[in-house]
């Protein structure tokens, strides 16, 4: 297993076990708190990001990217994306494919 594969496996399981630098660790702490309890975010959370070298633009980008993924995951979960054909699923396979395509297309347009 290569170093990158080991890192991916550690991140999939528990990011705290991964070999990360301080900046990445602080960023993931921020993103986890934003994901699990957004109403508990305070200035000290963004100050922690700044203390490890993130400027205001980076803080905004981290917040927007994490929030976008939280949003899209909640929409997908509510609509049953990935559970097509299972009892209780709210989506038809055709609708699910359209949703997934639209989501990926919107995300990748920023890189074109």
N, C-alpha and C. Protein backbone atom coordinates (compact mmCIF):
# COMPACT_ATOMS: atom_id res chain seq x y z
N UNK A 1 0.86 -1.18 0.00
CA UNK A 1 0.00 0.00 0.00
C UNK A 1 0.90 1.24 0.00
N UNK A 2 0.63 2.18 -0.89
CA UNK A 2 1.44 3.40 -0.96
C UNK A 2 1.03 4.35 0.16
N UNK A 3 1.84 5.38 0.35
CA UNK A 3 1.55 6.38 1.36
C UNK A 3 0.20 7.04 1.10
N UNK A 4 -0.07 7.37 -0.15
CA UNK A 4 -1.35 7.99 -0.49
C UNK A 4 -2.52 7.07 -0.17
N UNK A 5 -2.38 5.79 -0.46
CA UNK A 5 -3.44 4.83 -0.15
C UNK A 5 -3.63 4.71 1.36
N UNK A 6 -2.54 4.74 2.10
CA UNK A 6 -2.64 4.68 3.56
C UNK A 6 -3.35 5.92 4.09
N UNK A 7 -3.04 7.06 3.53
CA UNK A 7 -3.69 8.30 3.95
C UNK A 7 -5.18 8.25 3.65
N UNK A 8 -5.54 7.81 2.46
CA UNK A 8 -6.95 7.70 2.09
C UNK A 8 -7.69 6.77 3.04
N UNK A 9 -7.09 5.63 3.35
CA UNK A 9 -7.72 4.67 4.27
C UNK A 9 -7.89 5.28 5.66
N UNK A 10 -6.88 5.99 6.13
CA UNK A 10 -6.97 6.64 7.44
C UNK A 10 -8.06 7.70 7.44
N UNK A 11 -8.14 8.47 6.36
CA UNK A 11 -9.16 9.52 6.26
C UNK A 11 -10.56 8.93 6.19
N UNK A 12 -10.70 7.80 5.52
CA UNK A 12 -12.02 7.15 5.43
C UNK A 12 -12.49 6.67 6.79
N UNK A 13 -11.56 6.17 7.58
CA UNK A 13 -11.93 5.62 8.89
C UNK A 13 -12.10 6.70 9.93
N UNK A 14 -11.03 7.36 10.29
CA UNK A 14 -11.05 8.43 11.28
C UNK A 14 -9.89 9.35 10.95
N UNK A 15 -10.18 10.53 10.47
CA UNK A 15 -9.14 11.44 10.01
C UNK A 15 -8.12 11.74 11.11
N UNK A 16 -8.51 11.58 12.37
CA UNK A 16 -7.58 11.85 13.47
C UNK A 16 -6.40 10.88 13.50
N UNK A 17 -6.56 9.72 12.84
CA UNK A 17 -5.47 8.73 12.83
C UNK A 17 -4.51 8.95 11.66
N UNK A 18 -4.86 9.86 10.77
CA UNK A 18 -4.03 10.11 9.59
C UNK A 18 -2.84 11.00 9.95
N UNK A 19 -1.75 10.80 9.23
CA UNK A 19 -0.58 11.65 9.40
C UNK A 19 -0.81 12.94 8.62
N UNK A 20 -1.22 13.97 9.35
CA UNK A 20 -1.55 15.26 8.76
C UNK A 20 -0.73 16.35 9.40
N UNK A 21 -0.46 17.41 8.65
CA UNK A 21 0.21 18.55 9.26
C UNK A 21 -0.82 19.34 10.07
N UNK A 22 -0.33 20.29 10.84
CA UNK A 22 -1.20 21.04 11.75
C UNK A 22 -2.28 21.80 11.00
N UNK A 23 -1.94 22.36 9.86
CA UNK A 23 -2.92 23.13 9.08
C UNK A 23 -4.08 22.24 8.63
N UNK A 24 -3.78 21.06 8.11
CA UNK A 24 -4.84 20.14 7.68
C UNK A 24 -5.67 19.68 8.87
N UNK A 25 -5.03 19.41 9.98
CA UNK A 25 -5.74 18.93 11.18
C UNK A 25 -6.72 20.00 11.69
N UNK A 26 -6.26 21.24 11.77
CA UNK A 26 -7.13 22.34 12.23
C UNK A 26 -8.28 22.55 11.25
N UNK A 27 -7.98 22.46 9.94
CA UNK A 27 -9.03 22.61 8.93
C UNK A 27 -10.09 21.53 9.10
N UNK A 28 -9.68 20.29 9.30
CA UNK A 28 -10.64 19.19 9.44
C UNK A 28 -11.44 19.30 10.74
N UNK A 29 -10.82 19.80 11.80
CA UNK A 29 -11.57 20.05 13.04
C UNK A 29 -12.68 21.07 12.78
N UNK A 30 -12.33 22.13 12.05
CA UNK A 30 -13.30 23.17 11.70
C UNK A 30 -14.43 22.60 10.86
N UNK A 31 -14.08 21.86 9.82
CA UNK A 31 -15.08 21.29 8.92
C UNK A 31 -15.98 20.28 9.65
N UNK A 32 -15.41 19.49 10.52
CA UNK A 32 -16.22 18.54 11.28
C UNK A 32 -17.23 19.27 12.17
N UNK A 33 -16.79 20.31 12.85
CA UNK A 33 -17.70 21.09 13.70
C UNK A 33 -18.77 21.76 12.85
N UNK A 34 -18.39 22.33 11.73
CA UNK A 34 -19.34 22.96 10.81
C UNK A 34 -20.38 21.95 10.33
N UNK A 35 -19.95 20.74 10.07
CA UNK A 35 -20.84 19.69 9.58
C UNK A 35 -21.79 19.19 10.66
N UNK A 36 -21.27 18.95 11.84
CA UNK A 36 -22.06 18.33 12.90
C UNK A 36 -22.90 19.32 13.70
N UNK A 37 -22.41 20.55 13.87
CA UNK A 37 -23.12 21.50 14.71
C UNK A 37 -22.85 22.93 14.27
N UNK A 38 -23.37 23.31 13.11
CA UNK A 38 -23.03 24.62 12.55
C UNK A 38 -23.43 25.81 13.43
N UNK A 39 -24.46 25.66 14.22
CA UNK A 39 -24.88 26.79 15.06
C UNK A 39 -23.93 27.03 16.23
N UNK A 40 -22.97 26.11 16.43
CA UNK A 40 -22.00 26.30 17.52
C UNK A 40 -20.72 26.97 17.06
N UNK A 41 -20.67 27.38 15.80
CA UNK A 41 -19.47 28.03 15.26
C UNK A 41 -19.34 29.44 15.84
N UNK A 42 -18.12 29.77 16.26
CA UNK A 42 -17.84 31.08 16.82
C UNK A 42 -16.55 31.62 16.21
N UNK A 43 -16.25 32.84 16.57
CA UNK A 43 -15.05 33.49 16.04
C UNK A 43 -13.79 32.68 16.35
N UNK A 44 -13.73 32.03 17.51
CA UNK A 44 -12.53 31.27 17.84
C UNK A 44 -12.28 30.13 16.86
N UNK A 45 -13.34 29.65 16.21
CA UNK A 45 -13.17 28.60 15.20
C UNK A 45 -12.43 29.14 13.98
N UNK A 46 -12.80 30.32 13.51
CA UNK A 46 -12.09 30.91 12.37
C UNK A 46 -10.72 31.43 12.81
N UNK A 47 -10.61 31.90 14.05
CA UNK A 47 -9.31 32.33 14.56
C UNK A 47 -8.31 31.17 14.57
N UNK A 48 -8.78 29.96 14.87
CA UNK A 48 -7.91 28.78 14.85
C UNK A 48 -7.38 28.53 13.44
N UNK A 49 -8.22 28.75 12.43
CA UNK A 49 -7.76 28.60 11.04
C UNK A 49 -6.71 29.65 10.70
N UNK A 50 -6.97 30.88 11.12
CA UNK A 50 -6.02 31.95 10.84
C UNK A 50 -4.68 31.70 11.54
N UNK A 51 -4.73 31.13 12.74
CA UNK A 51 -3.52 30.89 13.52
C UNK A 51 -2.57 29.91 12.84
N UNK A 52 -3.10 29.07 11.95
CA UNK A 52 -2.24 28.11 11.24
C UNK A 52 -1.97 28.52 9.80
N UNK A 53 -2.31 29.77 9.46
CA UNK A 53 -1.92 30.30 8.17
C UNK A 53 -2.99 30.53 7.13
N UNK A 54 -4.25 30.23 7.45
CA UNK A 54 -5.31 30.50 6.49
C UNK A 54 -5.71 31.96 6.56
N UNK A 55 -5.83 32.61 5.40
CA UNK A 55 -6.30 33.99 5.37
C UNK A 55 -7.83 34.00 5.22
N UNK A 56 -8.42 35.19 5.18
CA UNK A 56 -9.88 35.30 5.11
C UNK A 56 -10.46 34.61 3.89
N UNK A 57 -9.76 34.72 2.75
CA UNK A 57 -10.25 34.06 1.53
C UNK A 57 -10.27 32.55 1.72
N UNK A 58 -9.23 32.00 2.30
CA UNK A 58 -9.17 30.56 2.54
C UNK A 58 -10.24 30.11 3.52
N UNK A 59 -10.47 30.90 4.57
CA UNK A 59 -11.52 30.57 5.55
C UNK A 59 -12.87 30.52 4.83
N UNK A 60 -13.12 31.50 3.99
CA UNK A 60 -14.37 31.53 3.23
C UNK A 60 -14.47 30.32 2.31
N UNK A 61 -13.40 29.99 1.60
CA UNK A 61 -13.42 28.85 0.69
C UNK A 61 -13.65 27.53 1.44
N UNK A 62 -12.97 27.34 2.55
CA UNK A 62 -13.16 26.13 3.35
C UNK A 62 -14.61 26.02 3.79
N UNK A 63 -15.18 27.13 4.26
CA UNK A 63 -16.56 27.14 4.73
C UNK A 63 -17.54 26.86 3.59
N UNK A 64 -17.33 27.50 2.45
CA UNK A 64 -18.23 27.30 1.31
C UNK A 64 -18.17 25.88 0.77
N UNK A 65 -16.97 25.35 0.62
CA UNK A 65 -16.83 23.99 0.07
C UNK A 65 -17.44 22.96 1.01
N UNK A 66 -17.14 23.07 2.30
CA UNK A 66 -17.71 22.12 3.27
C UNK A 66 -19.23 22.25 3.30
N UNK A 67 -19.73 23.47 3.28
CA UNK A 67 -21.17 23.70 3.32
C UNK A 67 -21.85 23.17 2.07
N UNK A 68 -21.22 23.34 0.90
CA UNK A 68 -21.79 22.80 -0.33
C UNK A 68 -21.92 21.29 -0.25
N UNK A 69 -20.86 20.62 0.18
CA UNK A 69 -20.92 19.16 0.28
C UNK A 69 -21.94 18.72 1.33
N UNK A 70 -22.04 19.44 2.43
CA UNK A 70 -23.06 19.12 3.43
C UNK A 70 -24.46 19.27 2.82
N UNK A 71 -24.65 20.35 2.09
CA UNK A 71 -25.94 20.60 1.45
C UNK A 71 -26.30 19.48 0.47
N UNK A 72 -25.38 19.19 -0.44
CA UNK A 72 -25.70 18.21 -1.49
C UNK A 72 -25.89 16.82 -0.90
N UNK A 73 -25.13 16.49 0.15
CA UNK A 73 -25.32 15.20 0.81
C UNK A 73 -26.68 15.12 1.50
N UNK A 74 -27.14 16.21 2.05
CA UNK A 74 -28.47 16.21 2.68
C UNK A 74 -29.58 16.08 1.63
N UNK A 75 -29.42 16.77 0.52
CA UNK A 75 -30.40 16.65 -0.57
C UNK A 75 -30.42 15.22 -1.09
N UNK A 76 -29.25 14.66 -1.34
CA UNK A 76 -29.17 13.29 -1.85
C UNK A 76 -29.77 12.31 -0.85
N UNK A 77 -29.47 12.49 0.43
CA UNK A 77 -30.03 11.62 1.46
C UNK A 77 -31.54 11.72 1.54
N UNK A 78 -32.05 12.93 1.47
CA UNK A 78 -33.50 13.12 1.54
C UNK A 78 -34.23 12.51 0.36
N UNK A 79 -33.59 12.55 -0.81
CA UNK A 79 -34.20 12.01 -2.02
C UNK A 79 -33.93 10.52 -2.23
N UNK A 80 -33.06 9.97 -1.40
CA UNK A 80 -32.80 8.54 -1.50
C UNK A 80 -31.80 8.15 -2.55
N UNK A 81 -30.94 9.09 -2.96
CA UNK A 81 -29.92 8.77 -3.94
C UNK A 81 -29.03 7.66 -3.38
N UNK A 82 -28.84 6.63 -4.18
CA UNK A 82 -28.05 5.48 -3.75
C UNK A 82 -28.89 4.37 -3.14
N UNK A 83 -30.17 4.64 -2.94
CA UNK A 83 -31.05 3.62 -2.36
C UNK A 83 -32.17 3.23 -3.33
N UNK A 84 -31.98 3.54 -4.61
CA UNK A 84 -33.01 3.24 -5.60
C UNK A 84 -33.34 1.76 -5.55
N UNK A 85 -34.61 1.47 -5.67
CA UNK A 85 -35.06 0.08 -5.71
C UNK A 85 -35.22 -0.54 -4.34
N UNK A 86 -34.75 0.14 -3.30
CA UNK A 86 -34.93 -0.38 -1.95
C UNK A 86 -36.27 0.07 -1.41
N UNK A 87 -36.79 -0.69 -0.51
CA UNK A 87 -38.07 -0.34 0.11
C UNK A 87 -37.96 1.04 0.75
N UNK A 88 -38.91 1.89 0.46
CA UNK A 88 -38.94 3.23 1.03
C UNK A 88 -38.20 4.28 0.22
N UNK A 89 -37.53 3.88 -0.86
CA UNK A 89 -36.81 4.85 -1.67
C UNK A 89 -37.80 5.79 -2.35
N UNK A 90 -37.43 7.04 -2.40
CA UNK A 90 -38.33 8.04 -2.99
C UNK A 90 -38.01 8.33 -4.45
N UNK A 91 -36.90 7.80 -4.95
CA UNK A 91 -36.49 8.11 -6.31
C UNK A 91 -36.62 6.93 -7.25
N UNK A 92 -36.92 7.26 -8.48
CA UNK A 92 -36.81 6.26 -9.54
C UNK A 92 -35.36 6.26 -10.01
N UNK A 93 -34.88 5.19 -10.59
CA UNK A 93 -33.49 5.17 -11.08
C UNK A 93 -33.20 6.28 -12.09
N UNK A 94 -34.16 6.63 -12.94
CA UNK A 94 -33.95 7.68 -13.93
C UNK A 94 -33.74 9.02 -13.26
N UNK A 95 -34.56 9.35 -12.27
CA UNK A 95 -34.42 10.62 -11.57
C UNK A 95 -33.08 10.67 -10.84
N UNK A 96 -32.68 9.57 -10.24
CA UNK A 96 -31.42 9.51 -9.52
C UNK A 96 -30.24 9.79 -10.45
N UNK A 97 -30.25 9.21 -11.63
CA UNK A 97 -29.17 9.45 -12.58
C UNK A 97 -29.10 10.91 -12.98
N UNK A 98 -30.26 11.53 -13.20
CA UNK A 98 -30.29 12.95 -13.55
C UNK A 98 -29.75 13.81 -12.41
N UNK A 99 -30.13 13.47 -11.20
CA UNK A 99 -29.67 14.21 -10.03
C UNK A 99 -28.15 14.10 -9.89
N UNK A 100 -27.63 12.89 -10.02
CA UNK A 100 -26.19 12.69 -9.88
C UNK A 100 -25.43 13.42 -10.98
N UNK A 101 -25.92 13.38 -12.20
CA UNK A 101 -25.27 14.06 -13.31
C UNK A 101 -25.26 15.57 -13.05
N UNK A 102 -26.40 16.13 -12.64
CA UNK A 102 -26.50 17.57 -12.40
C UNK A 102 -25.55 17.98 -11.29
N UNK A 103 -25.44 17.19 -10.25
CA UNK A 103 -24.56 17.49 -9.12
C UNK A 103 -23.10 17.49 -9.55
N UNK A 104 -22.69 16.47 -10.24
CA UNK A 104 -21.30 16.37 -10.69
C UNK A 104 -21.00 17.47 -11.69
N UNK A 105 -21.90 17.73 -12.61
CA UNK A 105 -21.70 18.75 -13.64
C UNK A 105 -21.51 20.13 -12.99
N UNK A 106 -22.34 20.47 -12.02
CA UNK A 106 -22.22 21.77 -11.36
C UNK A 106 -20.89 21.88 -10.64
N UNK A 107 -20.48 20.81 -9.97
CA UNK A 107 -19.23 20.84 -9.21
C UNK A 107 -18.02 20.95 -10.14
N UNK A 108 -18.03 20.30 -11.27
CA UNK A 108 -16.87 20.29 -12.15
C UNK A 108 -16.79 21.53 -13.05
N UNK A 109 -17.87 22.27 -13.20
CA UNK A 109 -17.82 23.45 -14.04
C UNK A 109 -16.82 24.49 -13.52
N UNK A 110 -16.61 24.51 -12.23
CA UNK A 110 -15.66 25.48 -11.66
C UNK A 110 -14.25 25.20 -12.13
N UNK A 111 -13.96 23.97 -12.58
CA UNK A 111 -12.62 23.60 -13.00
C UNK A 111 -12.42 23.65 -14.50
N UNK A 112 -13.45 23.98 -15.24
CA UNK A 112 -13.34 24.00 -16.70
C UNK A 112 -12.75 25.30 -17.19
